[in-house]
Protein backbone atom coordinates (compact mmCIF):
# COMPACT_ATOMS: atom_id res chain seq x y z
CA UNK A 1 21.20 150.61 -82.42
CA UNK A 2 19.65 153.99 -83.23
CA UNK A 3 20.54 155.39 -79.79
CA UNK A 4 24.21 154.70 -80.49
CA UNK A 5 24.13 156.56 -83.83
CA UNK A 6 24.68 159.97 -82.23
CA UNK A 7 27.94 158.75 -80.68
CA UNK A 8 29.04 157.12 -83.94
CA UNK A 9 28.49 160.42 -85.74
CA UNK A 10 30.41 162.31 -83.03
CA UNK A 11 33.27 159.81 -83.25
CA UNK A 12 33.96 160.96 -86.81
CA UNK A 13 34.89 164.45 -85.60
CA UNK A 14 36.20 163.80 -82.07
CA UNK A 15 39.99 163.52 -81.96
CA UNK A 16 42.61 162.37 -79.47
CA UNK A 17 41.94 162.57 -75.73
CA UNK A 18 38.38 163.84 -76.29
CA UNK A 19 37.49 160.21 -77.08
CA UNK A 20 37.64 159.47 -73.34
CA UNK A 21 34.60 161.70 -72.75
CA UNK A 22 32.87 160.29 -75.84
CA UNK A 23 33.23 156.75 -74.48
CA UNK A 24 32.11 157.78 -70.99
CA UNK A 25 29.04 159.58 -72.36
CA UNK A 26 28.06 156.56 -74.48
CA UNK A 27 28.40 154.24 -71.49
CA UNK A 28 26.15 156.57 -69.46
CA UNK A 29 23.54 157.11 -72.17
CA UNK A 30 20.10 155.57 -71.46
CA UNK A 31 19.13 152.70 -73.73
CA UNK A 32 22.59 152.12 -75.23
CA UNK A 33 23.58 148.54 -74.44
CA UNK A 34 25.54 147.47 -77.56
CA UNK A 35 28.91 149.10 -78.21
CA UNK A 36 30.86 147.16 -80.86
CA UNK A 37 30.45 149.83 -83.57
CA UNK A 38 31.81 152.51 -81.23
CA UNK A 39 34.75 150.32 -80.19
CA UNK A 40 35.59 149.82 -83.88
CA UNK A 41 35.18 153.49 -84.89
CA UNK A 42 38.40 154.72 -86.54
CA UNK A 43 39.12 157.72 -84.32
CA UNK A 44 38.28 155.77 -81.16
CA UNK A 45 40.64 152.93 -82.09
CA UNK A 46 43.34 155.41 -83.08
CA UNK A 47 43.12 157.14 -79.69
CA UNK A 48 42.73 153.93 -77.66
CA UNK A 49 46.46 153.66 -76.80
CA UNK A 50 46.76 157.25 -75.53
CA UNK A 51 47.33 157.38 -71.74
CA UNK A 52 44.23 159.56 -71.27
CA UNK A 53 42.00 157.29 -73.35
CA UNK A 54 43.36 153.76 -72.71
CA UNK A 55 41.55 153.28 -69.33
CA UNK A 56 38.26 154.35 -70.91
CA UNK A 57 38.79 152.02 -73.88
CA UNK A 58 39.48 149.17 -71.42
CA UNK A 59 36.24 150.10 -69.63
CA UNK A 60 34.41 150.09 -72.97
CA UNK A 61 35.63 146.53 -73.58
CA UNK A 62 34.20 145.45 -70.22
CA UNK A 63 30.84 146.89 -71.27
CA UNK A 64 31.23 145.01 -74.55
CA UNK A 65 32.13 141.58 -73.21
CA UNK A 66 32.58 141.64 -69.42
CA UNK A 67 30.64 141.77 -66.19
CA UNK A 68 30.39 143.94 -63.10
CA UNK A 69 32.62 141.45 -61.29
CA UNK A 70 35.27 141.93 -63.99
CA UNK A 71 35.09 145.65 -63.32
CA UNK A 72 35.49 145.17 -59.56
CA UNK A 73 38.47 142.87 -60.10
CA UNK A 74 40.22 145.55 -62.22
CA UNK A 75 38.79 148.81 -60.92
CA UNK A 76 42.17 150.13 -59.72
CA UNK A 77 43.15 150.42 -63.42
CA UNK A 78 39.81 151.75 -64.65
CA UNK A 79 37.82 155.00 -64.43
CA UNK A 80 35.29 155.22 -61.63
CA UNK A 81 31.75 154.37 -62.71
CA UNK A 82 28.95 156.88 -62.30
CA UNK A 83 25.53 155.64 -61.13
CA UNK A 84 24.12 155.22 -64.64
CA UNK A 85 27.16 153.22 -65.80
CA UNK A 86 27.12 151.05 -62.68
CA UNK A 87 23.44 150.18 -63.21
CA UNK A 88 23.97 149.48 -66.90
CA UNK A 89 26.93 147.17 -66.32
CA UNK A 90 24.92 145.28 -63.71
CA UNK A 91 22.09 144.90 -66.26
CA UNK A 92 24.55 143.54 -68.83
CA UNK A 93 25.96 141.17 -66.22
CA UNK A 94 22.50 139.67 -65.66
CA UNK A 95 22.35 138.97 -69.41
CA UNK A 96 25.72 137.20 -69.28
CA UNK A 97 24.70 135.14 -66.24
CA UNK A 98 21.47 134.12 -68.00
CA UNK A 99 23.52 132.59 -70.83
CA UNK A 100 24.63 129.76 -68.54
CA UNK A 101 21.42 129.36 -66.51
CA UNK A 102 17.89 130.67 -66.94
CA UNK A 103 17.29 130.29 -63.20
CA UNK A 104 19.33 132.84 -61.27
CA UNK A 105 19.27 132.53 -57.47
CA UNK A 106 19.21 135.83 -55.61
CA UNK A 107 22.32 134.95 -53.60
CA UNK A 108 24.31 134.36 -56.81
CA UNK A 109 23.10 137.66 -58.27
CA UNK A 110 23.86 139.55 -55.07
CA UNK A 111 27.38 138.16 -55.06
CA UNK A 112 28.07 138.77 -58.77
CA UNK A 113 26.50 142.24 -58.81
CA UNK A 114 27.69 143.33 -55.36
CA UNK A 115 24.15 144.12 -54.20
CA UNK A 116 23.82 144.57 -50.42
CA UNK A 117 20.20 143.44 -50.09
CA UNK A 118 17.34 141.70 -51.89
CA UNK A 119 15.19 144.84 -52.19
CA UNK A 120 17.91 146.66 -54.16
CA UNK A 121 18.48 143.55 -56.30
CA UNK A 122 14.80 143.25 -57.19
CA UNK A 123 14.64 146.97 -58.05
CA UNK A 124 17.65 146.48 -60.35
CA UNK A 125 16.03 143.49 -62.09
CA UNK A 126 12.71 145.35 -62.50
CA UNK A 127 14.63 148.25 -64.09
CA UNK A 128 16.42 145.81 -66.44
CA UNK A 129 13.03 144.39 -67.48
CA UNK A 130 11.68 147.91 -68.02
CA UNK A 131 14.71 148.72 -70.20
CA UNK A 132 14.07 145.62 -72.33
CA UNK A 133 17.39 144.04 -71.37
CA UNK A 134 15.84 140.89 -69.90
CA UNK A 135 12.36 139.46 -69.46
CA UNK A 136 11.37 137.02 -66.74
CA UNK A 137 9.68 136.47 -63.40
CA UNK A 138 10.81 137.34 -59.90
CA UNK A 139 10.11 134.48 -57.51
CA UNK A 140 10.27 135.93 -54.02
CA UNK A 141 9.30 132.63 -52.38
CA UNK A 142 12.14 130.69 -54.03
CA UNK A 143 14.42 133.76 -53.98
CA UNK A 144 15.31 133.52 -57.66
CA UNK A 145 14.87 135.27 -61.01
CA UNK A 146 13.55 133.06 -63.79
CA UNK A 147 14.79 134.48 -67.11
CA UNK A 148 12.56 133.97 -70.15
CA UNK A 149 14.44 135.99 -72.76
CA UNK A 150 17.43 138.32 -72.80
CA UNK A 151 18.99 140.72 -75.28
CA UNK A 152 22.07 139.62 -77.20
CA UNK A 153 25.37 141.09 -76.05
CA UNK A 154 28.34 141.98 -78.23
CA UNK A 155 30.29 138.88 -79.23
CA UNK A 156 34.02 138.36 -78.84
CA UNK A 157 35.71 137.50 -82.17
CA UNK A 158 36.16 133.87 -81.07
CA UNK A 159 32.47 133.75 -80.10
CA UNK A 160 31.54 134.94 -83.60
CA UNK A 161 33.51 132.00 -85.05
CA UNK A 162 31.76 129.60 -82.64
CA UNK A 163 28.36 131.03 -83.60
CA UNK A 164 29.07 130.65 -87.32
CA UNK A 165 30.20 127.04 -86.72
CA UNK A 166 27.03 126.33 -84.70
CA UNK A 167 24.88 127.77 -87.49
CA UNK A 168 26.66 125.57 -90.06
CA UNK A 169 26.11 122.50 -87.90
CA UNK A 170 22.45 123.45 -87.45
CA UNK A 171 22.09 124.00 -91.20
CA UNK A 172 23.66 120.61 -91.99
CA UNK A 173 21.48 118.88 -89.37
CA UNK A 174 18.37 120.58 -90.76
CA UNK A 175 19.29 119.46 -94.27
CA UNK A 176 19.75 115.88 -93.05
CA UNK A 177 16.39 115.92 -91.25
CA UNK A 178 14.59 117.37 -94.31
CA UNK A 179 16.18 114.73 -96.56
CA UNK A 180 15.05 112.00 -94.13
CA UNK A 181 11.50 113.41 -94.15
CA UNK A 182 11.53 113.51 -97.97
CA UNK A 183 12.64 109.85 -98.02
CA UNK A 184 9.81 108.90 -95.64
CA UNK A 185 7.26 110.76 -97.78
CA UNK A 186 8.57 109.06 -100.94
CA UNK A 187 8.38 105.61 -99.32
CA UNK A 188 4.87 106.34 -98.00
CA UNK A 189 3.75 107.44 -101.49
CA UNK A 190 5.21 104.30 -103.06
CA UNK A 191 3.46 102.10 -100.48
CA UNK A 192 0.19 103.93 -101.09
CA UNK A 193 0.54 103.54 -104.89
CA UNK A 194 1.37 99.87 -104.48
CA UNK A 195 -1.68 99.26 -102.30
CA UNK A 196 -3.84 101.21 -104.73
CA UNK A 197 -2.57 99.10 -107.64
CA UNK A 198 -3.21 95.89 -105.66
CA UNK A 199 -6.74 97.10 -104.89
CA UNK A 200 -7.41 97.86 -108.58
CA UNK A 201 -6.11 94.42 -109.62
CA UNK A 202 -8.33 92.76 -107.01
CA UNK A 203 -11.40 94.68 -108.21
CA UNK A 204 -10.77 93.47 -111.78
């Protein structure tokens, strides 16, 4: 993510408690929606257990893997979100919700994102579409958001393992299908050759 690069460069010189502001600025920055490289940056990790930085590092992890509801459930231990961060975390939460269902009813979204009314919810979704976070159609009649595509979020380590396993399974299945197709082509060619030979014998 090119927009994250500035913060990765800064992380090489920022030390100690100053990492709290670095994290907060990255979470506020327009267009930055993927944070794993920042969370793994040496100086950030080194400072992550400091009392001044730990709450911000915990907040960073929610932006990495969590949802707005996760934030609300733990907000007494976390820094207060500014408007930009609140909007961004809600955008990311829509992505997470779309992983389990491509049809997202407005009432579910309002509950999960703590949105007081439909107008504000639709404005949020339109902004998420504009930012390239999700693409889809608002259905005001059915009161739902139909997601077509969504950006990929940072993966938890165990999710990475699951993804690798799924790719291996897919690869093995693809190999099996291709082998089956090759067998069918070979059989079809043999049948065709046999019929051609029979036809030649008959013509003689």
